[in-house]
Amino acid sequence: VLAISGGAPMASKFELKKSKNDKFVFNLLAGNGQVILTSEMYDSKASALNGIESVRKNAPNDGRYGRLCAKDGSPYFTLKAANGQVIGQSQMYSGEKARD
């Protein structure tokens, strides 16, 4: 597990982990430790670190967020890079106000 300061206003940080299948995944954590965003799986640590940089670059842009609802109606969001590729997905929220 590697913790990286997020540089975002809310004292967020990134947590990079290697999964059981030897892929890398990161979480963006709020100051209270709650997971805000979970990344896609990456084949290498370098690719995952690039993904973290992409979150830092794209997170301030409201247009990069997809506001969606799961089949059960639970709201969640995705964050996309400039090329439209999904960088990560949020947890499920209790309502749209909590998500937004």
PDB file of N, CA and C in Angstrom:
ATOM      1  N   VAL A   1       0.850  -1.172   0.000  1.00  0.00           N
ATOM      2  CA  VAL A   1       0.000   0.000   0.000  1.00  0.00           C
ATOM      3  C   VAL A   1       0.897   1.236   0.000  1.00  0.00           C
ATOM      4  N   LEU A   2       0.617   2.142  -0.907  1.00  0.00           N
ATOM      5  CA  LEU A   2       1.372   3.385  -1.033  1.00  0.00           C
ATOM      6  C   LEU A   2       0.404   4.541  -0.899  1.00  0.00           C
ATOM      7  N   ALA A   3       0.637   5.424   0.053  1.00  0.00           N
ATOM      8  CA  ALA A   3      -0.222   6.601   0.228  1.00  0.00           C
ATOM      9  C   ALA A   3       0.453   7.799  -0.423  1.00  0.00           C
ATOM     10  N   ILE A   4      -0.310   8.544  -1.211  1.00  0.00           N
ATOM     11  CA  ILE A   4       0.195   9.706  -1.936  1.00  0.00           C
ATOM     12  C   ILE A   4      -0.727  10.871  -1.639  1.00  0.00           C
ATOM     13  N   SER A   5      -0.163  11.984  -1.233  1.00  0.00           N
ATOM     14  CA  SER A   5      -0.976  13.166  -0.953  1.00  0.00           C
ATOM     15  C   SER A   5      -1.715  13.594  -2.204  1.00  0.00           C
ATOM     16  N   GLY A   6      -3.003  13.884  -2.044  1.00  0.00           N
ATOM     17  CA  GLY A   6      -3.841  14.209  -3.190  1.00  0.00           C
ATOM     18  C   GLY A   6      -3.655  15.597  -3.741  1.00  0.00           C
ATOM     19  N   GLY A   7      -3.269  16.535  -2.913  1.00  0.00           N
ATOM     20  CA  GLY A   7      -3.118  17.897  -3.370  1.00  0.00           C
ATOM     21  C   GLY A   7      -4.444  18.617  -3.564  1.00  0.00           C
ATOM     22  N   ALA A   8      -5.540  17.970  -3.240  1.00  0.00           N
ATOM     23  CA  ALA A   8      -6.864  18.575  -3.369  1.00  0.00           C
ATOM     24  C   ALA A   8      -7.176  19.339  -2.087  1.00  0.00           C
ATOM     25  N   PRO A   9      -8.123  20.255  -2.145  1.00  0.00           N
ATOM     26  CA  PRO A   9      -8.395  21.112  -0.997  1.00  0.00           C
ATOM     27  C   PRO A   9      -8.849  20.385   0.265  1.00  0.00           C
ATOM     28  N   MET A  10      -9.462  19.230   0.152  1.00  0.00           N
ATOM     29  CA  MET A  10     -10.045  18.564   1.312  1.00  0.00           C
ATOM     30  C   MET A  10      -9.065  17.617   2.004  1.00  0.00           C
ATOM     31  N   ALA A  11      -7.763  17.800   1.850  1.00  0.00           N
ATOM     32  CA  ALA A  11      -6.768  16.926   2.469  1.00  0.00           C
ATOM     33  C   ALA A  11      -6.982  15.482   2.046  1.00  0.00           C
ATOM     34  N   SER A  12      -7.291  15.286   0.786  1.00  0.00           N
ATOM     35  CA  SER A  12      -7.481  13.942   0.268  1.00  0.00           C
ATOM     36  C   SER A  12      -6.131  13.285   0.035  1.00  0.00           C
ATOM     37  N   LYS A  13      -6.158  11.960  -0.113  1.00  0.00           N
ATOM     38  CA  LYS A  13      -4.940  11.239  -0.458  1.00  0.00           C
ATOM     39  C   LYS A  13      -5.302  10.036  -1.311  1.00  0.00           C
ATOM     40  N   PHE A  14      -4.315   9.546  -2.026  1.00  0.00           N
ATOM     41  CA  PHE A  14      -4.480   8.368  -2.857  1.00  0.00           C
ATOM     42  C   PHE A  14      -3.829   7.185  -2.154  1.00  0.00           C
ATOM     43  N   GLU A  15      -4.467   6.032  -2.277  1.00  0.00           N
ATOM     44  CA  GLU A  15      -3.945   4.796  -1.725  1.00  0.00           C
ATOM     45  C   GLU A  15      -3.798   3.827  -2.892  1.00  0.00           C
ATOM     46  N   LEU A  16      -2.575   3.428  -3.192  1.00  0.00           N
ATOM     47  CA  LEU A  16      -2.282   2.532  -4.305  1.00  0.00           C
ATOM     48  C   LEU A  16      -2.025   1.136  -3.759  1.00  0.00           C
ATOM     49  N   LYS A  17      -2.707   0.135  -4.333  1.00  0.00           N
ATOM     50  CA  LYS A  17      -2.581  -1.243  -3.861  1.00  0.00           C
ATOM     51  C   LYS A  17      -2.324  -2.178  -5.034  1.00  0.00           C
ATOM     52  N   LYS A  18      -1.658  -3.282  -4.732  1.00  0.00           N
ATOM     53  CA  LYS A  18      -1.494  -4.357  -5.708  1.00  0.00           C
ATOM     54  C   LYS A  18      -2.516  -5.429  -5.354  1.00  0.00           C
ATOM     55  N   SER A  19      -3.315  -5.830  -6.334  1.00  0.00           N
ATOM     56  CA  SER A  19      -4.375  -6.806  -6.083  1.00  0.00           C
ATOM     57  C   SER A  19      -3.826  -8.230  -6.127  1.00  0.00           C
ATOM     58  N   LYS A  20      -4.677  -9.171  -5.783  1.00  0.00           N
ATOM     59  CA  LYS A  20      -4.283 -10.580  -5.770  1.00  0.00           C
ATOM     60  C   LYS A  20      -3.925 -11.090  -7.164  1.00  0.00           C
ATOM     61  N   ASN A  21      -4.473 -10.454  -8.200  1.00  0.00           N
ATOM     62  CA  ASN A  21      -4.179 -10.881  -9.573  1.00  0.00           C
ATOM     63  C   ASN A  21      -3.026 -10.076 -10.185  1.00  0.00           C
ATOM     64  N   ASP A  22      -2.205  -9.467  -9.314  1.00  0.00           N
ATOM     65  CA  ASP A  22      -1.020  -8.704  -9.726  1.00  0.00           C
ATOM     66  C   ASP A  22      -1.330  -7.476 -10.565  1.00  0.00           C
ATOM     67  N   LYS A  23      -2.526  -6.946 -10.428  1.00  0.00           N
ATOM     68  CA  LYS A  23      -2.880  -5.675 -11.064  1.00  0.00           C
ATOM     69  C   LYS A  23      -2.841  -4.598  -9.981  1.00  0.00           C
ATOM     70  N   PHE A  24      -2.835  -3.352 -10.410  1.00  0.00           N
ATOM     71  CA  PHE A  24      -2.783  -2.227  -9.478  1.00  0.00           C
ATOM     72  C   PHE A  24      -4.093  -1.451  -9.527  1.00  0.00           C
ATOM     73  N   VAL A  25      -4.508  -0.987  -8.363  1.00  0.00           N
ATOM     74  CA  VAL A  25      -5.730  -0.205  -8.229  1.00  0.00           C
ATOM     75  C   VAL A  25      -5.468   0.883  -7.185  1.00  0.00           C
ATOM     76  N   PHE A  26      -6.094   2.034  -7.369  1.00  0.00           N
ATOM     77  CA  PHE A  26      -5.953   3.071  -6.355  1.00  0.00           C
ATOM     78  C   PHE A  26      -7.321   3.569  -5.928  1.00  0.00           C
ATOM     79  N   ASN A  27      -7.358   4.066  -4.700  1.00  0.00           N
ATOM     80  CA  ASN A  27      -8.535   4.731  -4.153  1.00  0.00           C
ATOM     81  C   ASN A  27      -8.165   6.166  -3.843  1.00  0.00           C
ATOM     82  N   LEU A  28      -9.094   7.066  -4.091  1.00  0.00           N
ATOM     83  CA  LEU A  28      -8.973   8.443  -3.629  1.00  0.00           C
ATOM     84  C   LEU A  28      -9.746   8.507  -2.322  1.00  0.00           C
ATOM     85  N   LEU A  29      -9.063   8.885  -1.258  1.00  0.00           N
ATOM     86  CA  LEU A  29      -9.670   8.920   0.072  1.00  0.00           C
ATOM     87  C   LEU A  29      -9.885  10.357   0.520  1.00  0.00           C
ATOM     88  N   ALA A  30     -11.027  10.595   1.151  1.00  0.00           N
ATOM     89  CA  ALA A  30     -11.310  11.898   1.762  1.00  0.00           C
ATOM     90  C   ALA A  30     -10.464  12.039   3.021  1.00  0.00           C
ATOM     91  N   GLY A  31     -10.438  13.227   3.573  1.00  0.00           N
ATOM     92  CA  GLY A  31      -9.684  13.482   4.792  1.00  0.00           C
ATOM     93  C   GLY A  31     -10.074  12.573   5.945  1.00  0.00           C
ATOM     94  N   ASN A  32     -11.334  12.110   5.951  1.00  0.00           N
ATOM     95  CA  ASN A  32     -11.810  11.216   7.014  1.00  0.00           C
ATOM     96  C   ASN A  32     -11.557   9.742   6.703  1.00  0.00           C
ATOM     97  N   GLY A  33     -10.871   9.453   5.577  1.00  0.00           N
ATOM     98  CA  GLY A  33     -10.549   8.076   5.211  1.00  0.00           C
ATOM     99  C   GLY A  33     -11.581   7.389   4.346  1.00  0.00           C
ATOM    100  N   GLN A  34     -12.707   8.033   4.091  1.00  0.00           N
ATOM    101  CA  GLN A  34     -13.756   7.442   3.265  1.00  0.00           C
ATOM    102  C   GLN A  34     -13.317   7.412   1.801  1.00  0.00           C
ATOM    103  N   VAL A  35     -13.602   6.293   1.126  1.00  0.00           N
ATOM    104  CA  VAL A  35     -13.263   6.159  -0.292  1.00  0.00           C
ATOM    105  C   VAL A  35     -14.201   7.036  -1.115  1.00  0.00           C
ATOM    106  N   ILE A  36     -13.616   7.929  -1.905  1.00  0.00           N
ATOM    107  CA  ILE A  36     -14.375   8.797  -2.797  1.00  0.00           C
ATOM    108  C   ILE A  36     -14.465   8.175  -4.184  1.00  0.00           C
ATOM    109  N   LEU A  37     -13.355   7.578  -4.638  1.00  0.00           N
ATOM    110  CA  LEU A  37     -13.252   7.068  -6.003  1.00  0.00           C
ATOM    111  C   LEU A  37     -12.343   5.855  -6.007  1.00  0.00           C
ATOM    112  N   THR A  38     -12.724   4.818  -6.747  1.00  0.00           N
ATOM    113  CA  THR A  38     -11.886   3.641  -6.958  1.00  0.00           C
ATOM    114  C   THR A  38     -11.547   3.562  -8.434  1.00  0.00           C
ATOM    115  N   SER A  39     -10.284   3.343  -8.727  1.00  0.00           N
ATOM    116  CA  SER A  39      -9.822   3.336 -10.114  1.00  0.00           C
ATOM    117  C   SER A  39     -10.179   2.045 -10.840  1.00  0.00           C
ATOM    118  N   GLU A  40      -9.958   2.081 -12.127  1.00  0.00           N
ATOM    119  CA  GLU A  40      -9.954   0.875 -12.937  1.00  0.00           C
ATOM    120  C   GLU A  40      -8.697   0.087 -12.550  1.00  0.00           C
ATOM    121  N   MET A  41      -8.572  -1.153 -13.036  1.00  0.00           N
ATOM    122  CA  MET A  41      -7.382  -1.966 -12.773  1.00  0.00           C
ATOM    123  C   MET A  41      -6.304  -1.620 -13.793  1.00  0.00           C
ATOM    124  N   TYR A  42      -5.068  -1.566 -13.326  1.00  0.00           N
ATOM    125  CA  TYR A  42      -3.922  -1.252 -14.178  1.00  0.00           C
ATOM    126  C   TYR A  42      -2.932  -2.410 -14.162  1.00  0.00           C
ATOM    127  N   ASP A  43      -2.285  -2.643 -15.300  1.00  0.00           N
ATOM    128  CA  ASP A  43      -1.310  -3.728 -15.408  1.00  0.00           C
ATOM    129  C   ASP A  43       0.007  -3.422 -14.709  1.00  0.00           C
ATOM    130  N   SER A  44       0.359  -2.153 -14.590  1.00  0.00           N
ATOM    131  CA  SER A  44       1.641  -1.790 -13.981  1.00  0.00           C
ATOM    132  C   SER A  44       1.453  -0.659 -12.975  1.00  0.00           C
ATOM    133  N   LYS A  45       2.416  -0.559 -12.069  1.00  0.00           N
ATOM    134  CA  LYS A  45       2.405   0.522 -11.085  1.00  0.00           C
ATOM    135  C   LYS A  45       2.530   1.868 -11.788  1.00  0.00           C
ATOM    136  N   ALA A  46       3.376   1.934 -12.815  1.00  0.00           N
ATOM    137  CA  ALA A  46       3.563   3.186 -13.555  1.00  0.00           C
ATOM    138  C   ALA A  46       2.255   3.650 -14.182  1.00  0.00           C
ATOM    139  N   SER A  47       1.482   2.727 -14.736  1.00  0.00           N
ATOM    140  CA  SER A  47       0.185   3.082 -15.332  1.00  0.00           C
ATOM    141  C   SER A  47      -0.780   3.590 -14.271  1.00  0.00           C
ATOM    142  N   ALA A  48      -0.770   2.958 -13.097  1.00  0.00           N
ATOM    143  CA  ALA A  48      -1.639   3.400 -12.002  1.00  0.00           C
ATOM    144  C   ALA A  48      -1.242   4.800 -11.534  1.00  0.00           C
ATOM    145  N   LEU A  49       0.055   5.069 -11.455  1.00  0.00           N
ATOM    146  CA  LEU A  49       0.509   6.406 -11.069  1.00  0.00           C
ATOM    147  C   LEU A  49       0.092   7.440 -12.107  1.00  0.00           C
ATOM    148  N   ASN A  50       0.107   7.064 -13.385  1.00  0.00           N
ATOM    149  CA  ASN A  50      -0.404   7.954 -14.433  1.00  0.00           C
ATOM    150  C   ASN A  50      -1.896   8.204 -14.239  1.00  0.00           C
ATOM    151  N   GLY A  51      -2.624   7.158 -13.808  1.00  0.00           N
ATOM    152  CA  GLY A  51      -4.050   7.303 -13.520  1.00  0.00           C
ATOM    153  C   GLY A  51      -4.299   8.293 -12.391  1.00  0.00           C
ATOM    154  N   ILE A  52      -3.459   8.245 -11.367  1.00  0.00           N
ATOM    155  CA  ILE A  52      -3.569   9.195 -10.256  1.00  0.00           C
ATOM    156  C   ILE A  52      -3.360  10.618 -10.763  1.00  0.00           C
ATOM    157  N   GLU A  53      -2.371  10.808 -11.609  1.00  0.00           N
ATOM    158  CA  GLU A  53      -2.134  12.136 -12.182  1.00  0.00           C
ATOM    159  C   GLU A  53      -3.323  12.589 -13.020  1.00  0.00           C
ATOM    160  N   SER A  54      -3.948  11.642 -13.705  1.00  0.00           N
ATOM    161  CA  SER A  54      -5.123  11.968 -14.511  1.00  0.00           C
ATOM    162  C   SER A  54      -6.287  12.411 -13.630  1.00  0.00           C
ATOM    163  N   VAL A  55      -6.445  11.779 -12.466  1.00  0.00           N
ATOM    164  CA  VAL A  55      -7.484  12.219 -11.521  1.00  0.00           C
ATOM    165  C   VAL A  55      -7.194  13.643 -11.074  1.00  0.00           C
ATOM    166  N   ARG A  56      -5.958  13.907 -10.711  1.00  0.00           N
ATOM    167  CA  ARG A  56      -5.588  15.260 -10.268  1.00  0.00           C
ATOM    168  C   ARG A  56      -5.895  16.300 -11.347  1.00  0.00           C
ATOM    169  N   LYS A  57      -5.638  15.935 -12.586  1.00  0.00           N
ATOM    170  CA  LYS A  57      -5.833  16.860 -13.703  1.00  0.00           C
ATOM    171  C   LYS A  57      -7.311  17.055 -14.031  1.00  0.00           C
ATOM    172  N   ASN A  58      -8.091  15.972 -14.004  1.00  0.00           N
ATOM    173  CA  ASN A  58      -9.473  16.014 -14.482  1.00  0.00           C
ATOM    174  C   ASN A  58     -10.517  16.272 -13.405  1.00  0.00           C
ATOM    175  N   ALA A  59     -10.211  15.990 -12.148  1.00  0.00           N
ATOM    176  CA  ALA A  59     -11.197  16.144 -11.074  1.00  0.00           C
ATOM    177  C   ALA A  59     -11.751  17.562 -10.942  1.00  0.00           C
ATOM    178  N   PRO A  60     -10.956  18.611 -11.160  1.00  0.00           N
ATOM    179  CA  PRO A  60     -11.515  19.964 -11.037  1.00  0.00           C
ATOM    180  C   PRO A  60     -12.511  20.342 -12.138  1.00  0.00           C
ATOM    181  N   ASN A  61     -12.585  19.565 -13.203  1.00  0.00           N
ATOM    182  CA  ASN A  61     -13.438  19.872 -14.355  1.00  0.00           C
ATOM    183  C   ASN A  61     -14.783  19.152 -14.224  1.00  0.00           C
ATOM    184  N   ASP A  62     -15.840  19.887 -13.906  1.00  0.00           N
ATOM    185  CA  ASP A  62     -17.166  19.286 -13.705  1.00  0.00           C
ATOM    186  C   ASP A  62     -17.643  18.497 -14.923  1.00  0.00           C
ATOM    187  N   GLY A  63     -17.215  18.891 -16.095  1.00  0.00           N
ATOM    188  CA  GLY A  63     -17.626  18.204 -17.313  1.00  0.00           C
ATOM    189  C   GLY A  63     -17.053  16.808 -17.470  1.00  0.00           C
ATOM    190  N   ARG A  64     -16.098  16.446 -16.641  1.00  0.00           N
ATOM    191  CA  ARG A  64     -15.480  15.115 -16.710  1.00  0.00           C
ATOM    192  C   ARG A  64     -16.245  14.066 -15.890  1.00  0.00           C
ATOM    193  N   TYR A  65     -17.280  14.513 -15.170  1.00  0.00           N
ATOM    194  CA  TYR A  65     -18.034  13.590 -14.321  1.00  0.00           C
ATOM    195  C   TYR A  65     -19.278  13.091 -15.031  1.00  0.00           C
ATOM    196  N   GLY A  66     -19.494  11.795 -14.934  1.00  0.00           N
ATOM    197  CA  GLY A  66     -20.753  11.210 -15.366  1.00  0.00           C
ATOM    198  C   GLY A  66     -21.581  10.940 -14.127  1.00  0.00           C
ATOM    199  N   ARG A  67     -22.776  11.488 -14.064  1.00  0.00           N
ATOM    200  CA  ARG A  67     -23.661  11.268 -12.920  1.00  0.00           C
ATOM    201  C   ARG A  67     -24.677  10.217 -13.330  1.00  0.00           C
ATOM    202  N   LEU A  68     -24.581   9.049 -12.705  1.00  0.00           N
ATOM    203  CA  LEU A  68     -25.327   7.875 -13.141  1.00  0.00           C
ATOM    204  C   LEU A  68     -26.104   7.266 -11.982  1.00  0.00           C
ATOM    205  N   CYS A  69     -26.979   6.316 -12.319  1.00  0.00           N
ATOM    206  CA  CYS A  69     -27.704   5.538 -11.316  1.00  0.00           C
ATOM    207  C   CYS A  69     -27.564   4.060 -11.653  1.00  0.00           C
ATOM    208  N   ALA A  70     -27.327   3.254 -10.628  1.00  0.00           N
ATOM    209  CA  ALA A  70     -27.234   1.806 -10.788  1.00  0.00           C
ATOM    210  C   ALA A  70     -28.626   1.235 -11.051  1.00  0.00           C
ATOM    211  N   LYS A  71     -28.682  -0.048 -11.382  1.00  0.00           N
ATOM    212  CA  LYS A  71     -29.968  -0.697 -11.669  1.00  0.00           C
ATOM    213  C   LYS A  71     -30.940  -0.596 -10.503  1.00  0.00           C
ATOM    214  N   ASP A  72     -30.392  -0.571  -9.268  1.00  0.00           N
ATOM    215  CA  ASP A  72     -31.275  -0.459  -8.096  1.00  0.00           C
ATOM    216  C   ASP A  72     -31.631   0.991  -7.768  1.00  0.00           C
ATOM    217  N   GLY A  73     -31.180   1.925  -8.610  1.00  0.00           N
ATOM    218  CA  GLY A  73     -31.499   3.332  -8.412  1.00  0.00           C
ATOM    219  C   GLY A  73     -30.485   4.113  -7.598  1.00  0.00           C
ATOM    220  N   SER A  74     -29.458   3.434  -7.077  1.00  0.00           N
ATOM    221  CA  SER A  74     -28.440   4.115  -6.273  1.00  0.00           C
ATOM    222  C   SER A  74     -27.579   5.016  -7.151  1.00  0.00           C
ATOM    223  N   PRO A  75     -27.473   6.292  -6.801  1.00  0.00           N
ATOM    224  CA  PRO A  75     -26.644   7.210  -7.584  1.00  0.00           C
ATOM    225  C   PRO A  75     -25.149   6.976  -7.343  1.00  0.00           C
ATOM    226  N   TYR A  76     -24.368   7.180  -8.383  1.00  0.00           N
ATOM    227  CA  TYR A  76     -22.913   7.137  -8.292  1.00  0.00           C
ATOM    228  C   TYR A  76     -22.358   8.010  -9.402  1.00  0.00           C
ATOM    229  N   PHE A  77     -21.050   8.203  -9.408  1.00  0.00           N
ATOM    230  CA  PHE A  77     -20.448   8.976 -10.490  1.00  0.00           C
ATOM    231  C   PHE A  77     -19.213   8.279 -11.024  1.00  0.00           C
ATOM    232  N   THR A  78     -18.867   8.620 -12.250  1.00  0.00           N
ATOM    233  CA  THR A  78     -17.603   8.209 -12.840  1.00  0.00           C
ATOM    234  C   THR A  78     -16.810   9.470 -13.161  1.00  0.00           C
ATOM    235  N   LEU A  79     -15.516   9.331 -13.201  1.00  0.00           N
ATOM    236  CA  LEU A  79     -14.632  10.412 -13.625  1.00  0.00           C
ATOM    237  C   LEU A  79     -13.929   9.946 -14.885  1.00  0.00           C
ATOM    238  N   LYS A  80     -13.984  10.778 -15.922  1.00  0.00           N
ATOM    239  CA  LYS A  80     -13.385  10.422 -17.207  1.00  0.00           C
ATOM    240  C   LYS A  80     -12.225  11.348 -17.540  1.00  0.00           C
ATOM    241  N   ALA A  81     -11.267  10.796 -18.264  1.00  0.00           N
ATOM    242  CA  ALA A  81     -10.146  11.580 -18.780  1.00  0.00           C
ATOM    243  C   ALA A  81     -10.617  12.359 -20.002  1.00  0.00           C
ATOM    244  N   ALA A  82      -9.752  13.216 -20.513  1.00  0.00           N
ATOM    245  CA  ALA A  82     -10.084  14.037 -21.683  1.00  0.00           C
ATOM    246  C   ALA A  82     -10.449  13.180 -22.896  1.00  0.00           C
ATOM    247  N   ASN A  83      -9.882  11.965 -22.974  1.00  0.00           N
ATOM    248  CA  ASN A  83     -10.173  11.076 -24.104  1.00  0.00           C
ATOM    249  C   ASN A  83     -11.456  10.269 -23.911  1.00  0.00           C
ATOM    250  N   GLY A  84     -12.173  10.505 -22.810  1.00  0.00           N
ATOM    251  CA  GLY A  84     -13.435   9.820 -22.554  1.00  0.00           C
ATOM    252  C   GLY A  84     -13.306   8.513 -21.794  1.00  0.00           C
ATOM    253  N   GLN A  85     -12.085   8.067 -21.542  1.00  0.00           N
ATOM    254  CA  GLN A  85     -11.874   6.817 -20.818  1.00  0.00           C
ATOM    255  C   GLN A  85     -12.168   7.016 -19.334  1.00  0.00           C
ATOM    256  N   VAL A  86     -12.898   6.070 -18.743  1.00  0.00           N
ATOM    257  CA  VAL A  86     -13.215   6.139 -17.315  1.00  0.00           C
ATOM    258  C   VAL A  86     -11.944   5.897 -16.506  1.00  0.00           C
ATOM    259  N   ILE A  87     -11.660   6.816 -15.608  1.00  0.00           N
ATOM    260  CA  ILE A  87     -10.510   6.693 -14.709  1.00  0.00           C
ATOM    261  C   ILE A  87     -10.919   5.934 -13.451  1.00  0.00           C
ATOM    262  N   GLY A  88     -12.122   6.230 -12.958  1.00  0.00           N
ATOM    263  CA  GLY A  88     -12.582   5.598 -11.735  1.00  0.00           C
ATOM    264  C   GLY A  88     -14.060   5.821 -11.505  1.00  0.00           C
ATOM    265  N   GLN A  89     -14.555   5.133 -10.471  1.00  0.00           N
ATOM    266  CA  GLN A  89     -15.978   5.181 -10.133  1.00  0.00           C
ATOM    267  C   GLN A  89     -16.127   5.378  -8.633  1.00  0.00           C
ATOM    268  N   SER A  90     -17.180   6.094  -8.267  1.00  0.00           N
ATOM    269  CA  SER A  90     -17.451   6.337  -6.849  1.00  0.00           C
ATOM    270  C   SER A  90     -18.155   5.141  -6.218  1.00  0.00           C
ATOM    271  N   GLN A  91     -18.374   5.260  -4.936  1.00  0.00           N
ATOM    272  CA  GLN A  91     -19.244   4.350  -4.203  1.00  0.00           C
ATOM    273  C   GLN A  91     -20.689   4.628  -4.616  1.00  0.00           C
ATOM    274  N   MET A  92     -21.605   3.823  -4.141  1.00  0.00           N
ATOM    275  CA  MET A  92     -23.032   4.097  -4.331  1.00  0.00           C
ATOM    276  C   MET A  92     -23.474   5.040  -3.209  1.00  0.00           C
ATOM    277  N   TYR A  93     -24.274   6.014  -3.567  1.00  0.00           N
ATOM    278  CA  TYR A  93     -24.754   7.003  -2.607  1.00  0.00           C
ATOM    279  C   TYR A  93     -26.222   6.773  -2.288  1.00  0.00           C
ATOM    280  N   SER A  94     -26.663   7.340  -1.166  1.00  0.00           N
ATOM    281  CA  SER A  94     -28.048   7.175  -0.725  1.00  0.00           C
ATOM    282  C   SER A  94     -29.016   8.015  -1.542  1.00  0.00           C
ATOM    283  N   GLY A  95     -28.524   9.077  -2.147  1.00  0.00           N
ATOM    284  CA  GLY A  95     -29.376   9.942  -2.957  1.00  0.00           C
ATOM    285  C   GLY A  95     -28.525  10.840  -3.832  1.00  0.00           C
ATOM    286  N   GLU A  96     -29.178  11.508  -4.768  1.00  0.00           N
ATOM    287  CA  GLU A  96     -28.451  12.370  -5.696  1.00  0.00           C
ATOM    288  C   GLU A  96     -27.778  13.538  -4.988  1.00  0.00           C
ATOM    289  N   LYS A  97     -28.404  14.077  -3.947  1.00  0.00           N
ATOM    290  CA  LYS A  97     -27.794  15.193  -3.210  1.00  0.00           C
ATOM    291  C   LYS A  97     -26.489  14.756  -2.547  1.00  0.00           C
ATOM    292  N   ALA A  98     -26.458  13.553  -2.017  1.00  0.00           N
ATOM    293  CA  ALA A  98     -25.234  13.039  -1.391  1.00  0.00           C
ATOM    294  C   ALA A  98     -24.139  12.834  -2.433  1.00  0.00           C
ATOM    295  N   ARG A  99     -24.522  12.395  -3.621  1.00  0.00           N
ATOM    296  CA  ARG A  99     -23.562  12.170  -4.700  1.00  0.00           C
ATOM    297  C   ARG A  99     -23.005  13.480  -5.228  1.00  0.00           C
ATOM    298  N   ASP A 100     -23.895  14.447  -5.454  1.00  0.00           N
ATOM    299  CA  ASP A 100     -23.496  15.696  -6.094  1.00  0.00           C
ATOM    300  C   ASP A 100     -22.894  16.662  -5.105  1.00  0.00           C
TER     301      ASP A 100
END
